[in-house]
PDB file of all heavy atoms in Angstrom:
ATOM      1  N   ASP A   1       0.826  -1.207  -0.005  1.00  0.00           N
ATOM      2  CA  ASP A   1      -0.008  -0.017   0.004  1.00  0.00           C
ATOM      3  C   ASP A   1       0.861   1.248   0.001  1.00  0.00           C
ATOM      4  O   ASP A   1       0.524   2.278  -0.660  1.00  0.00           O
ATOM      5  CB  ASP A   1      -0.932  -0.014   1.223  1.00  0.00           C
ATOM      6  CG  ASP A   1      -2.046  -1.045   1.093  1.00  0.00           C
ATOM      7  OD1 ASP A   1      -2.234  -1.583  -0.032  1.00  0.00           O
ATOM      8  OD2 ASP A   1      -2.676  -1.340   2.120  1.00  0.00           O
ATOM      9  N   LEU A   2       1.974   1.236   0.737  1.00  0.00           N
ATOM     10  CA  LEU A   2       2.867   2.379   0.771  1.00  0.00           C
ATOM     11  C   LEU A   2       3.465   2.662  -0.630  1.00  0.00           C
ATOM     12  O   LEU A   2       3.514   3.810  -1.094  1.00  0.00           O
ATOM     13  CB  LEU A   2       3.993   2.157   1.757  1.00  0.00           C
ATOM     14  CG  LEU A   2       3.699   2.372   3.271  1.00  0.00           C
ATOM     15  CD1 LEU A   2       4.873   1.868   4.094  1.00  0.00           C
ATOM     16  CD2 LEU A   2       3.364   3.810   3.552  1.00  0.00           C
ATOM     17  N   ILE A   3       3.909   1.590  -1.281  1.00  0.00           N
ATOM     18  CA  ILE A   3       4.496   1.746  -2.598  1.00  0.00           C
ATOM     19  C   ILE A   3       3.442   2.203  -3.615  1.00  0.00           C
ATOM     20  O   ILE A   3       3.728   3.060  -4.495  1.00  0.00           O
ATOM     21  CB  ILE A   3       5.211   0.468  -3.054  1.00  0.00           C
ATOM     22  CG1 ILE A   3       6.381   0.166  -2.113  1.00  0.00           C
ATOM     23  CG2 ILE A   3       5.671   0.531  -4.496  1.00  0.00           C
ATOM     24  CD1 ILE A   3       7.013  -1.213  -2.349  1.00  0.00           C
ATOM     25  N   ALA A   4       2.228   1.695  -3.499  1.00  0.00           N
ATOM     26  CA  ALA A   4       1.155   2.096  -4.386  1.00  0.00           C
ATOM     27  C   ALA A   4       0.840   3.585  -4.205  1.00  0.00           C
ATOM     28  O   ALA A   4       0.596   4.318  -5.177  1.00  0.00           O
ATOM     29  CB  ALA A   4      -0.094   1.260  -4.136  1.00  0.00           C
ATOM     30  N   LEU A   5       0.846   4.048  -2.948  1.00  0.00           N
ATOM     31  CA  LEU A   5       0.607   5.479  -2.703  1.00  0.00           C
ATOM     32  C   LEU A   5       1.730   6.324  -3.297  1.00  0.00           C
ATOM     33  O   LEU A   5       1.474   7.403  -3.822  1.00  0.00           O
ATOM     34  CB  LEU A   5       0.543   5.732  -1.194  1.00  0.00           C
ATOM     35  CG  LEU A   5      -0.821   5.526  -0.500  1.00  0.00           C
ATOM     36  CD1 LEU A   5      -0.698   5.892   0.973  1.00  0.00           C
ATOM     37  CD2 LEU A   5      -1.899   6.387  -1.153  1.00  0.00           C
ATOM     38  N   ARG A   6       2.940   5.844  -3.160  1.00  0.00           N
ATOM     39  CA  ARG A   6       4.075   6.597  -3.742  1.00  0.00           C
ATOM     40  C   ARG A   6       3.897   6.739  -5.241  1.00  0.00           C
ATOM     41  O   ARG A   6       4.194   7.810  -5.824  1.00  0.00           O
ATOM     42  CB  ARG A   6       5.386   5.838  -3.452  1.00  0.00           C
ATOM     43  CG  ARG A   6       6.654   6.604  -3.878  1.00  0.00           C
ATOM     44  CD  ARG A   6       7.919   5.833  -3.535  1.00  0.00           C
ATOM     45  NE  ARG A   6       9.097   6.555  -4.013  1.00  0.00           N
ATOM     46  CZ  ARG A   6       9.744   7.463  -3.365  1.00  0.00           C
ATOM     47  NH1 ARG A   6       9.380   7.774  -2.112  1.00  0.00           N
ATOM     48  NH2 ARG A   6      10.808   8.078  -3.834  1.00  0.00           N
ATOM     49  N   ARG A   7       3.435   5.709  -5.902  1.00  0.00           N
ATOM     50  CA  ARG A   7       3.197   5.765  -7.351  1.00  0.00           C
ATOM     51  C   ARG A   7       2.014   6.683  -7.681  1.00  0.00           C
ATOM     52  O   ARG A   7       2.024   7.385  -8.713  1.00  0.00           O
ATOM     53  CB  ARG A   7       2.927   4.399  -7.899  1.00  0.00           C
ATOM     54  CG  ARG A   7       4.152   3.509  -8.014  1.00  0.00           C
ATOM     55  CD  ARG A   7       3.845   2.227  -8.768  1.00  0.00           C
ATOM     56  NE  ARG A   7       5.027   1.508  -9.165  1.00  0.00           N
ATOM     57  CZ  ARG A   7       5.044   0.389  -9.858  1.00  0.00           C
ATOM     58  NH1 ARG A   7       3.901  -0.147 -10.277  1.00  0.00           N
ATOM     59  NH2 ARG A   7       6.177  -0.201 -10.193  1.00  0.00           N
ATOM     60  N   ALA A   8       1.020   6.707  -6.835  1.00  0.00           N
ATOM     61  CA  ALA A   8      -0.212   7.425  -7.147  1.00  0.00           C
ATOM     62  C   ALA A   8      -0.144   8.918  -6.886  1.00  0.00           C
ATOM     63  O   ALA A   8      -0.895   9.694  -7.496  1.00  0.00           O
ATOM     64  CB  ALA A   8      -1.383   6.803  -6.357  1.00  0.00           C
ATOM     65  N   HIS A   9       0.724   9.332  -5.970  1.00  0.00           N
ATOM     66  CA  HIS A   9       0.762  10.750  -5.554  1.00  0.00           C
ATOM     67  C   HIS A   9       2.087  11.387  -5.917  1.00  0.00           C
ATOM     68  O   HIS A   9       3.152  11.049  -5.351  1.00  0.00           O
ATOM     69  CB  HIS A   9       0.503  10.854  -4.059  1.00  0.00           C
ATOM     70  CG  HIS A   9      -0.865  10.432  -3.661  1.00  0.00           C
ATOM     71  ND1 HIS A   9      -1.950  11.290  -3.671  1.00  0.00           N
ATOM     72  CD2 HIS A   9      -1.336   9.238  -3.269  1.00  0.00           C
ATOM     73  CE1 HIS A   9      -3.025  10.663  -3.249  1.00  0.00           C
ATOM     74  NE2 HIS A   9      -2.683   9.417  -3.023  1.00  0.00           N
ATOM     75  N   PRO A  10       2.107  12.359  -6.824  1.00  0.00           N
ATOM     76  CA  PRO A  10       3.336  13.004  -7.239  1.00  0.00           C
ATOM     77  C   PRO A  10       4.108  13.651  -6.061  1.00  0.00           C
ATOM     78  O   PRO A  10       5.352  13.731  -6.105  1.00  0.00           O
ATOM     79  CB  PRO A  10       2.868  14.085  -8.221  1.00  0.00           C
ATOM     80  CG  PRO A  10       1.531  13.583  -8.712  1.00  0.00           C
ATOM     81  CD  PRO A  10       0.937  12.857  -7.578  1.00  0.00           C
ATOM     82  N   GLU A  11       3.401  14.099  -5.038  1.00  0.00           N
ATOM     83  CA  GLU A  11       4.069  14.722  -3.895  1.00  0.00           C
ATOM     84  C   GLU A  11       5.082  13.742  -3.250  1.00  0.00           C
ATOM     85  O   GLU A  11       6.137  14.191  -2.771  1.00  0.00           O
ATOM     86  CB  GLU A  11       3.069  15.106  -2.817  1.00  0.00           C
ATOM     87  CG  GLU A  11       2.051  16.168  -3.262  1.00  0.00           C
ATOM     88  CD  GLU A  11       0.709  15.523  -3.566  1.00  0.00           C
ATOM     89  OE1 GLU A  11       0.715  14.480  -4.229  1.00  0.00           O
ATOM     90  OE2 GLU A  11      -0.304  16.080  -3.140  1.00  0.00           O
ATOM     91  N   LEU A  12       4.750  12.456  -3.240  1.00  0.00           N
ATOM     92  CA  LEU A  12       5.642  11.489  -2.613  1.00  0.00           C
ATOM     93  C   LEU A  12       6.811  11.110  -3.504  1.00  0.00           C
ATOM     94  O   LEU A  12       7.752  10.465  -3.028  1.00  0.00           O
ATOM     95  CB  LEU A  12       4.825  10.222  -2.257  1.00  0.00           C
ATOM     96  CG  LEU A  12       3.726  10.431  -1.231  1.00  0.00           C
ATOM     97  CD1 LEU A  12       2.979   9.133  -0.988  1.00  0.00           C
ATOM     98  CD2 LEU A  12       4.280  10.949   0.089  1.00  0.00           C
ATOM     99  N   ARG A  13       6.753  11.515  -4.757  1.00  0.00           N
ATOM    100  CA  ARG A  13       7.897  11.251  -5.670  1.00  0.00           C
ATOM    101  C   ARG A  13       8.690  12.527  -5.939  1.00  0.00           C
ATOM    102  O   ARG A  13       9.691  12.494  -6.659  1.00  0.00           O
ATOM    103  CB  ARG A  13       7.381  10.693  -7.003  1.00  0.00           C
ATOM    104  CG  ARG A  13       6.601   9.409  -6.853  1.00  0.00           C
ATOM    105  CD  ARG A  13       6.381   8.752  -8.217  1.00  0.00           C
ATOM    106  NE  ARG A  13       5.729   9.648  -9.196  1.00  0.00           N
ATOM    107  CZ  ARG A  13       4.416   9.835  -9.295  1.00  0.00           C
ATOM    108  NH1 ARG A  13       3.608   9.235  -8.484  1.00  0.00           N
ATOM    109  NH2 ARG A  13       3.939  10.677 -10.212  1.00  0.00           N
ATOM    110  N   ASP A  14       8.328  13.636  -5.322  1.00  0.00           N
ATOM    111  CA  ASP A  14       8.996  14.917  -5.533  1.00  0.00           C
ATOM    112  C   ASP A  14      10.423  14.823  -4.936  1.00  0.00           C
ATOM    113  O   ASP A  14      10.600  14.562  -3.762  1.00  0.00           O
ATOM    114  CB  ASP A  14       8.223  16.014  -4.810  1.00  0.00           C
ATOM    115  CG  ASP A  14       8.775  17.415  -5.077  1.00  0.00           C
ATOM    116  OD1 ASP A  14       9.911  17.526  -5.670  1.00  0.00           O
ATOM    117  OD2 ASP A  14       8.116  18.391  -4.703  1.00  0.00           O
ATOM    118  N   PRO A  15      11.457  15.035  -5.758  1.00  0.00           N
ATOM    119  CA  PRO A  15      12.844  14.870  -5.280  1.00  0.00           C
ATOM    120  C   PRO A  15      13.415  16.090  -4.614  1.00  0.00           C
ATOM    121  O   PRO A  15      14.590  16.071  -4.188  1.00  0.00           O
ATOM    122  CB  PRO A  15      13.579  14.535  -6.559  1.00  0.00           C
ATOM    123  CG  PRO A  15      12.871  15.324  -7.604  1.00  0.00           C
ATOM    124  CD  PRO A  15      11.414  15.288  -7.207  1.00  0.00           C
ATOM    125  N   ARG A  16      12.652  17.189  -4.521  1.00  0.00           N
ATOM    126  CA  ARG A  16      13.220  18.434  -4.019  1.00  0.00           C
ATOM    127  C   ARG A  16      13.410  18.374  -2.495  1.00  0.00           C
ATOM    128  O   ARG A  16      12.454  18.418  -1.740  1.00  0.00           O
ATOM    129  CB  ARG A  16      12.327  19.621  -4.380  1.00  0.00           C
ATOM    130  CG  ARG A  16      12.216  19.908  -5.871  1.00  0.00           C
ATOM    131  CD  ARG A  16      11.251  21.016  -6.111  1.00  0.00           C
ATOM    132  NE  ARG A  16       9.906  20.663  -5.614  1.00  0.00           N
ATOM    133  CZ  ARG A  16       8.956  21.530  -5.324  1.00  0.00           C
ATOM    134  NH1 ARG A  16       9.164  22.822  -5.462  1.00  0.00           N
ATOM    135  NH2 ARG A  16       7.774  21.112  -4.896  1.00  0.00           N
ATOM    136  N   LEU A  17      14.650  18.312  -2.064  1.00  0.00           N
ATOM    137  CA  LEU A  17      14.942  18.232  -0.646  1.00  0.00           C
ATOM    138  C   LEU A  17      14.551  19.541   0.079  1.00  0.00           C
ATOM    139  O   LEU A  17      14.133  19.521   1.228  1.00  0.00           O
ATOM    140  CB  LEU A  17      16.431  17.966  -0.413  1.00  0.00           C
ATOM    141  CG  LEU A  17      16.879  16.519  -0.709  1.00  0.00           C
ATOM    142  CD1 LEU A  17      18.406  16.416  -0.551  1.00  0.00           C
ATOM    143  CD2 LEU A  17      16.189  15.541   0.204  1.00  0.00           C
ATOM    144  N   ASP A  18      14.648  20.685  -0.634  1.00  0.00           N
ATOM    145  CA  ASP A  18      14.319  21.944   0.015  1.00  0.00           C
ATOM    146  C   ASP A  18      12.792  22.107   0.162  1.00  0.00           C
ATOM    147  O   ASP A  18      12.348  23.078   0.757  1.00  0.00           O
ATOM    148  CB  ASP A  18      14.931  23.129  -0.716  1.00  0.00           C
ATOM    149  CG  ASP A  18      14.550  23.179  -2.201  1.00  0.00           C
ATOM    150  OD1 ASP A  18      13.790  22.313  -2.662  1.00  0.00           O
ATOM    151  OD2 ASP A  18      14.988  24.129  -2.885  1.00  0.00           O
ATOM    152  N   ALA A  19      12.026  21.152  -0.375  1.00  0.00           N
ATOM    153  CA  ALA A  19      10.583  21.184  -0.187  1.00  0.00           C
ATOM    154  C   ALA A  19      10.129  20.272   0.929  1.00  0.00           C
ATOM    155  O   ALA A  19       8.937  20.193   1.238  1.00  0.00           O
ATOM    156  CB  ALA A  19       9.868  20.808  -1.472  1.00  0.00           C
ATOM    157  N   VAL A  20      11.067  19.535   1.548  1.00  0.00           N
ATOM    158  CA  VAL A  20      10.738  18.628   2.631  1.00  0.00           C
ATOM    159  C   VAL A  20      10.942  19.369   3.967  1.00  0.00           C
ATOM    160  O   VAL A  20      11.931  20.016   4.195  1.00  0.00           O
ATOM    161  CB  VAL A  20      11.631  17.377   2.611  1.00  0.00           C
ATOM    162  CG1 VAL A  20      11.274  16.435   3.752  1.00  0.00           C
ATOM    163  CG2 VAL A  20      11.515  16.662   1.260  1.00  0.00           C
ATOM    164  N   HIS A  21       9.911  19.215   4.793  1.00  0.00           N
ATOM    165  CA  HIS A  21       9.966  19.866   6.133  1.00  0.00           C
ATOM    166  C   HIS A  21       9.582  18.805   7.176  1.00  0.00           C
ATOM    167  O   HIS A  21       8.685  18.007   6.943  1.00  0.00           O
ATOM    168  CB  HIS A  21       9.032  21.040   6.211  1.00  0.00           C
ATOM    169  CG  HIS A  21       8.965  21.689   7.546  1.00  0.00           C
ATOM    170  ND1 HIS A  21      10.073  22.224   8.187  1.00  0.00           N
ATOM    171  CD2 HIS A  21       7.914  21.890   8.406  1.00  0.00           C
ATOM    172  CE1 HIS A  21       9.708  22.740   9.332  1.00  0.00           C
ATOM    173  NE2 HIS A  21       8.409  22.548   9.508  1.00  0.00           N
ATOM    174  N   VAL A  22      10.268  18.787   8.300  1.00  0.00           N
ATOM    175  CA  VAL A  22       9.987  17.821   9.350  1.00  0.00           C
ATOM    176  C   VAL A  22       9.782  18.533  10.693  1.00  0.00           C
ATOM    177  O   VAL A  22      10.563  19.394  11.073  1.00  0.00           O
ATOM    178  CB  VAL A  22      11.155  16.791   9.495  1.00  0.00           C
ATOM    179  CG1 VAL A  22      10.893  15.858  10.699  1.00  0.00           C
ATOM    180  CG2 VAL A  22      11.311  15.971   8.238  1.00  0.00           C
ATOM    181  N   GLU A  23       8.681  18.181  11.377  1.00  0.00           N
ATOM    182  CA  GLU A  23       8.391  18.666  12.689  1.00  0.00           C
ATOM    183  C   GLU A  23       8.419  17.490  13.655  1.00  0.00           C
ATOM    184  O   GLU A  23       8.085  16.359  13.274  1.00  0.00           O
ATOM    185  CB  GLU A  23       7.008  19.335  12.778  1.00  0.00           C
ATOM    186  CG  GLU A  23       6.868  20.579  11.866  1.00  0.00           C
ATOM    187  CD  GLU A  23       5.421  21.077  11.897  1.00  0.00           C
ATOM    188  OE1 GLU A  23       4.538  20.407  11.338  1.00  0.00           O
ATOM    189  OE2 GLU A  23       5.233  22.157  12.504  1.00  0.00           O
ATOM    190  N   TYR A  24       8.776  17.724  14.928  1.00  0.00           N
ATOM    191  CA  TYR A  24       8.808  16.633  15.884  1.00  0.00           C
ATOM    192  C   TYR A  24       8.702  17.186  17.296  1.00  0.00           C
ATOM    193  O   TYR A  24       8.948  18.388  17.547  1.00  0.00           O
ATOM    194  CB  TYR A  24      10.080  15.814  15.750  1.00  0.00           C
ATOM    195  CG  TYR A  24      11.339  16.599  15.989  1.00  0.00           C
ATOM    196  CD1 TYR A  24      11.892  16.713  17.274  1.00  0.00           C
ATOM    197  CD2 TYR A  24      12.009  17.230  14.948  1.00  0.00           C
ATOM    198  CE1 TYR A  24      13.036  17.447  17.499  1.00  0.00           C
ATOM    199  CE2 TYR A  24      13.179  17.946  15.145  1.00  0.00           C
ATOM    200  CZ  TYR A  24      13.690  18.053  16.444  1.00  0.00           C
ATOM    201  OH  TYR A  24      14.813  18.777  16.649  1.00  0.00           O
ATOM    202  N   ASP A  25       8.306  16.312  18.198  1.00  0.00           N
ATOM    203  CA  ASP A  25       8.339  16.592  19.611  1.00  0.00           C
ATOM    204  C   ASP A  25       9.001  15.399  20.276  1.00  0.00           C
ATOM    205  O   ASP A  25       8.388  14.312  20.421  1.00  0.00           O
ATOM    206  CB  ASP A  25       6.915  16.797  20.172  1.00  0.00           C
ATOM    207  CG  ASP A  25       6.899  17.208  21.653  1.00  0.00           C
ATOM    208  OD1 ASP A  25       7.768  16.747  22.395  1.00  0.00           O
ATOM    209  OD2 ASP A  25       5.986  17.991  22.012  1.00  0.00           O
ATOM    210  N   ALA A  26      10.233  15.555  20.646  1.00  0.00           N
ATOM    211  CA  ALA A  26      11.000  14.408  21.196  1.00  0.00           C
ATOM    212  C   ALA A  26      10.400  13.934  22.507  1.00  0.00           C
ATOM    213  O   ALA A  26      10.419  12.703  22.782  1.00  0.00           O
ATOM    214  CB  ALA A  26      12.455  14.823  21.372  1.00  0.00           C
ATOM    215  N   ASP A  27       9.888  14.800  23.340  1.00  0.00           N
ATOM    216  CA  ASP A  27       9.302  14.386  24.594  1.00  0.00           C
ATOM    217  C   ASP A  27       8.053  13.577  24.401  1.00  0.00           C
ATOM    218  O   ASP A  27       7.818  12.561  25.037  1.00  0.00           O
ATOM    219  CB  ASP A  27       9.032  15.591  25.482  1.00  0.00           C
ATOM    220  CG  ASP A  27      10.312  16.304  25.900  1.00  0.00           C
ATOM    221  OD1 ASP A  27      11.343  15.612  26.048  1.00  0.00           O
ATOM    222  OD2 ASP A  27      10.277  17.518  26.123  1.00  0.00           O
ATOM    223  N   ALA A  28       7.217  14.026  23.466  1.00  0.00           N
ATOM    224  CA  ALA A  28       5.948  13.351  23.174  1.00  0.00           C
ATOM    225  C   ALA A  28       6.152  12.150  22.248  1.00  0.00           C
ATOM    226  O   ALA A  28       5.267  11.325  22.073  1.00  0.00           O
ATOM    227  CB  ALA A  28       4.931  14.310  22.586  1.00  0.00           C
ATOM    228  N   GLN A  29       7.296  12.100  21.602  1.00  0.00           N
ATOM    229  CA  GLN A  29       7.697  10.988  20.718  1.00  0.00           C
ATOM    230  C   GLN A  29       6.836  10.912  19.426  1.00  0.00           C
ATOM    231  O   GLN A  29       6.350   9.866  19.068  1.00  0.00           O
ATOM    232  CB  GLN A  29       7.667   9.651  21.436  1.00  0.00           C
ATOM    233  CG  GLN A  29       8.617   9.574  22.621  1.00  0.00           C
ATOM    234  CD  GLN A  29       8.603   8.190  23.272  1.00  0.00           C
ATOM    235  OE1 GLN A  29       9.023   7.237  22.638  1.00  0.00           O
ATOM    236  NE2 GLN A  29       8.088   8.130  24.502  1.00  0.00           N
ATOM    237  N   TRP A  30       6.657  12.086  18.786  1.00  0.00           N
ATOM    238  CA  TRP A  30       6.013  12.047  17.466  1.00  0.00           C
ATOM    239  C   TRP A  30       6.869  12.849  16.446  1.00  0.00           C
ATOM    240  O   TRP A  30       7.653  13.690  16.862  1.00  0.00           O
ATOM    241  CB  TRP A  30       4.564  12.560  17.534  1.00  0.00           C
ATOM    242  CG  TRP A  30       4.357  14.001  18.015  1.00  0.00           C
ATOM    243  CD1 TRP A  30       3.946  14.389  19.226  1.00  0.00           C
ATOM    244  CD2 TRP A  30       4.594  15.232  17.265  1.00  0.00           C
ATOM    245  NE1 TRP A  30       3.878  15.773  19.338  1.00  0.00           N
ATOM    246  CE2 TRP A  30       4.252  16.318  18.137  1.00  0.00           C
ATOM    247  CE3 TRP A  30       5.001  15.502  15.972  1.00  0.00           C
ATOM    248  CZ2 TRP A  30       4.341  17.635  17.716  1.00  0.00           C
ATOM    249  CZ3 TRP A  30       5.109  16.841  15.566  1.00  0.00           C
ATOM    250  CH2 TRP A  30       4.806  17.881  16.434  1.00  0.00           C
ATOM    251  N   LEU A  31       6.687  12.499  15.218  1.00  0.00           N
ATOM    252  CA  LEU A  31       7.399  13.172  14.123  1.00  0.00           C
ATOM    253  C   LEU A  31       6.499  13.235  12.911  1.00  0.00           C
ATOM    254  O   LEU A  31       5.805  12.247  12.586  1.00  0.00           O
ATOM    255  CB  LEU A  31       8.689  12.448  13.828  1.00  0.00           C
ATOM    256  CG  LEU A  31       9.583  13.010  12.703  1.00  0.00           C
ATOM    257  CD1 LEU A  31      11.075  12.851  13.052  1.00  0.00           C
ATOM    258  CD2 LEU A  31       9.309  12.335  11.361  1.00  0.00           C
ATOM    259  N   VAL A  32       6.467  14.378  12.226  1.00  0.00           N
ATOM    260  CA  VAL A  32       5.646  14.543  11.022  1.00  0.00           C
ATOM    261  C   VAL A  32       6.540  15.033   9.887  1.00  0.00           C
ATOM    262  O   VAL A  32       7.288  16.010  10.014  1.00  0.00           O
ATOM    263  CB  VAL A  32       4.541  15.581  11.250  1.00  0.00           C
ATOM    264  CG1 VAL A  32       3.722  15.768   9.942  1.00  0.00           C
ATOM    265  CG2 VAL A  32       3.624  15.130  12.389  1.00  0.00           C
ATOM    266  N   MET A  33       6.523  14.359   8.746  1.00  0.00           N
ATOM    267  CA  MET A  33       7.267  14.709   7.548  1.00  0.00           C
ATOM    268  C   MET A  33       6.292  15.301   6.500  1.00  0.00           C
ATOM    269  O   MET A  33       5.322  14.640   6.133  1.00  0.00           O
ATOM    270  CB  MET A  33       8.010  13.515   6.967  1.00  0.00           C
ATOM    271  CG  MET A  33       8.819  13.834   5.705  1.00  0.00           C
ATOM    272  SD  MET A  33       9.931  12.461   5.220  1.00  0.00           S
ATOM    273  CE  MET A  33       8.754  11.146   4.882  1.00  0.00           C
ATOM    274  N   HIS A  34       6.598  16.544   6.065  1.00  0.00           N
ATOM    275  CA  HIS A  34       5.728  17.230   5.088  1.00  0.00           C
ATOM    276  C   HIS A  34       6.191  16.858   3.670  1.00  0.00           C
ATOM    277  O   HIS A  34       7.338  16.999   3.315  1.00  0.00           O
ATOM    278  CB  HIS A  34       5.887  18.744   5.238  1.00  0.00           C
ATOM    279  CG  HIS A  34       5.388  19.254   6.541  1.00  0.00           C
ATOM    280  ND1 HIS A  34       4.665  20.418   6.661  1.00  0.00           N
ATOM    281  CD2 HIS A  34       5.517  18.786   7.819  1.00  0.00           C
ATOM    282  CE1 HIS A  34       4.351  20.655   7.906  1.00  0.00           C
ATOM    283  NE2 HIS A  34       4.882  19.675   8.649  1.00  0.00           N
ATOM    284  N   ARG A  35       5.204  16.363   2.864  1.00  0.00           N
ATOM    285  CA  ARG A  35       5.482  16.014   1.435  1.00  0.00           C
ATOM    286  C   ARG A  35       4.380  16.666   0.609  1.00  0.00           C
ATOM    287  O   ARG A  35       3.355  16.024   0.302  1.00  0.00           O
ATOM    288  CB  ARG A  35       5.528  14.503   1.297  1.00  0.00           C
ATOM    289  CG  ARG A  35       6.539  13.806   2.116  1.00  0.00           C
ATOM    290  CD  ARG A  35       7.982  14.055   1.634  1.00  0.00           C
ATOM    291  NE  ARG A  35       8.301  13.194   0.480  1.00  0.00           N
ATOM    292  CZ  ARG A  35       8.730  13.617  -0.683  1.00  0.00           C
ATOM    293  NH1 ARG A  35       8.930  14.931  -0.888  1.00  0.00           N
ATOM    294  NH2 ARG A  35       8.959  12.789  -1.665  1.00  0.00           N
ATOM    295  N   GLY A  36       4.569  17.947   0.283  1.00  0.00           N
ATOM    296  CA  GLY A  36       3.482  18.666  -0.410  1.00  0.00           C
ATOM    297  C   GLY A  36       2.287  18.763   0.491  1.00  0.00           C
ATOM    298  O   GLY A  36       2.367  19.246   1.634  1.00  0.00           O
ATOM    299  N   ARG A  37       1.127  18.319  -0.008  1.00  0.00           N
ATOM    300  CA  ARG A  37      -0.088  18.338   0.808  1.00  0.00           C
ATOM    301  C   ARG A  37      -0.252  17.078   1.643  1.00  0.00           C
ATOM    302  O   ARG A  37      -1.265  16.917   2.352  1.00  0.00           O
ATOM    303  CB  ARG A  37      -1.335  18.527  -0.111  1.00  0.00           C
ATOM    304  CG  ARG A  37      -1.423  19.865  -0.808  1.00  0.00           C
ATOM    305  CD  ARG A  37      -2.679  19.979  -1.641  1.00  0.00           C
ATOM    306  NE  ARG A  37      -3.886  19.777  -0.848  1.00  0.00           N
ATOM    307  CZ  ARG A  37      -4.684  18.713  -0.897  1.00  0.00           C
ATOM    308  NH1 ARG A  37      -4.385  17.723  -1.715  1.00  0.00           N
ATOM    309  NH2 ARG A  37      -5.747  18.645  -0.154  1.00  0.00           N
ATOM    310  N   ILE A  38       0.717  16.185   1.573  1.00  0.00           N
ATOM    311  CA  ILE A  38       0.650  14.936   2.338  1.00  0.00           C
ATOM    312  C   ILE A  38       1.578  15.038   3.547  1.00  0.00           C
ATOM    313  O   ILE A  38       2.692  15.551   3.449  1.00  0.00           O
ATOM    314  CB  ILE A  38       1.051  13.732   1.454  1.00  0.00           C
ATOM    315  CG1 ILE A  38       0.029  13.579   0.288  1.00  0.00           C
ATOM    316  CG2 ILE A  38       1.106  12.456   2.280  1.00  0.00           C
ATOM    317  CD1 ILE A  38       0.385  12.461  -0.679  1.00  0.00           C
ATOM    318  N   ARG A  39       1.082  14.530   4.667  1.00  0.00           N
ATOM    319  CA  ARG A  39       1.893  14.462   5.855  1.00  0.00           C
ATOM    320  C   ARG A  39       2.094  13.000   6.247  1.00  0.00           C
ATOM    321  O   ARG A  39       1.118  12.234   6.332  1.00  0.00           O
ATOM    322  CB  ARG A  39       1.207  15.201   7.030  1.00  0.00           C
ATOM    323  CG  ARG A  39       0.874  16.651   6.766  1.00  0.00           C
ATOM    324  CD  ARG A  39       2.135  17.508   6.667  1.00  0.00           C
ATOM    325  NE  ARG A  39       1.784  18.909   6.422  1.00  0.00           N
ATOM    326  CZ  ARG A  39       1.748  19.478   5.205  1.00  0.00           C
ATOM    327  NH1 ARG A  39       1.996  18.705   4.146  1.00  0.00           N
ATOM    328  NH2 ARG A  39       1.440  20.724   5.051  1.00  0.00           N
ATOM    329  N   VAL A  40       3.352  12.598   6.459  1.00  0.00           N
ATOM    330  CA  VAL A  40       3.633  11.283   7.018  1.00  0.00           C
ATOM    331  C   VAL A  40       3.727  11.465   8.526  1.00  0.00           C
ATOM    332  O   VAL A  40       4.664  12.083   9.049  1.00  0.00           O
ATOM    333  CB  VAL A  40       4.941  10.728   6.464  1.00  0.00           C
ATOM    334  CG1 VAL A  40       5.211   9.326   7.036  1.00  0.00           C
ATOM    335  CG2 VAL A  40       4.915  10.668   4.936  1.00  0.00           C
ATOM    336  N   VAL A  41       2.713  11.004   9.253  1.00  0.00           N
ATOM    337  CA  VAL A  41       2.555  11.236  10.658  1.00  0.00           C
ATOM    338  C   VAL A  41       2.936  10.001  11.453  1.00  0.00           C
ATOM    339  O   VAL A  41       2.431   8.920  11.145  1.00  0.00           O
ATOM    340  CB  VAL A  41       1.090  11.657  11.013  1.00  0.00           C
ATOM    341  CG1 VAL A  41       0.988  12.101  12.458  1.00  0.00           C
ATOM    342  CG2 VAL A  41       0.602  12.751  10.055  1.00  0.00           C
ATOM    343  N   THR A  42       3.817  10.134  12.393  1.00  0.00           N
ATOM    344  CA  THR A  42       4.283   8.957  13.150  1.00  0.00           C
ATOM    345  C   THR A  42       4.174   9.212  14.659  1.00  0.00           C
ATOM    346  O   THR A  42       4.457  10.310  15.150  1.00  0.00           O
ATOM    347  CB  THR A  42       5.722   8.592  12.796  1.00  0.00           C
ATOM    348  OG1 THR A  42       6.614   9.647  13.246  1.00  0.00           O
ATOM    349  CG2 THR A  42       5.891   8.453  11.297  1.00  0.00           C
ATOM    350  N   ASN A  43       3.769   8.161  15.356  1.00  0.00           N
ATOM    351  CA  ASN A  43       3.721   8.171  16.834  1.00  0.00           C
ATOM    352  C   ASN A  43       4.567   7.008  17.349  1.00  0.00           C
ATOM    353  O   ASN A  43       4.209   5.864  17.195  1.00  0.00           O
ATOM    354  CB  ASN A  43       2.256   8.002  17.308  1.00  0.00           C
ATOM    355  CG  ASN A  43       2.202   7.814  18.824  1.00  0.00           C
ATOM    356  OD1 ASN A  43       3.054   8.271  19.571  1.00  0.00           O
ATOM    357  ND2 ASN A  43       1.157   7.131  19.288  1.00  0.00           N
ATOM    358  N   LEU A  44       5.725   7.317  17.952  1.00  0.00           N
ATOM    359  CA  LEU A  44       6.632   6.289  18.449  1.00  0.00           C
ATOM    360  C   LEU A  44       6.358   5.958  19.907  1.00  0.00           C
ATOM    361  O   LEU A  44       6.988   5.081  20.483  1.00  0.00           O
ATOM    362  CB  LEU A  44       8.060   6.682  18.245  1.00  0.00           C
ATOM    363  CG  LEU A  44       8.620   6.519  16.843  1.00  0.00           C
ATOM    364  CD1 LEU A  44       8.300   7.750  15.975  1.00  0.00           C
ATOM    365  CD2 LEU A  44      10.094   6.238  16.841  1.00  0.00           C
ATOM    366  N   ALA A  45       5.402   6.666  20.522  1.00  0.00           N
ATOM    367  CA  ALA A  45       5.100   6.428  21.939  1.00  0.00           C
ATOM    368  C   ALA A  45       4.362   5.105  22.071  1.00  0.00           C
ATOM    369  O   ALA A  45       3.701   4.609  21.153  1.00  0.00           O
ATOM    370  CB  ALA A  45       4.248   7.555  22.483  1.00  0.00           C
ATOM    371  N   ASP A  46       4.429   4.489  23.273  1.00  0.00           N
ATOM    372  CA  ASP A  46       3.765   3.212  23.527  1.00  0.00           C
ATOM    373  C   ASP A  46       2.328   3.378  23.966  1.00  0.00           C
ATOM    374  O   ASP A  46       1.721   2.446  24.524  1.00  0.00           O
ATOM    375  CB  ASP A  46       4.556   2.370  24.514  1.00  0.00           C
ATOM    376  CG  ASP A  46       4.744   3.069  25.854  1.00  0.00           C
ATOM    377  OD1 ASP A  46       4.168   4.159  26.041  1.00  0.00           O
ATOM    378  OD2 ASP A  46       5.443   2.541  26.707  1.00  0.00           O
TER     379      ASP A  46
END
């Protein structure tokens, strides 16, 4: 499903590093990667 999404959405194939932005809260243990209008949202907390 991840690879299919990468193929389907140009934002996920955009190679521009200066267009990538990452936010995080180390104490809360989350990180969000900005890819155009798509956000890869992660929660590493238990």
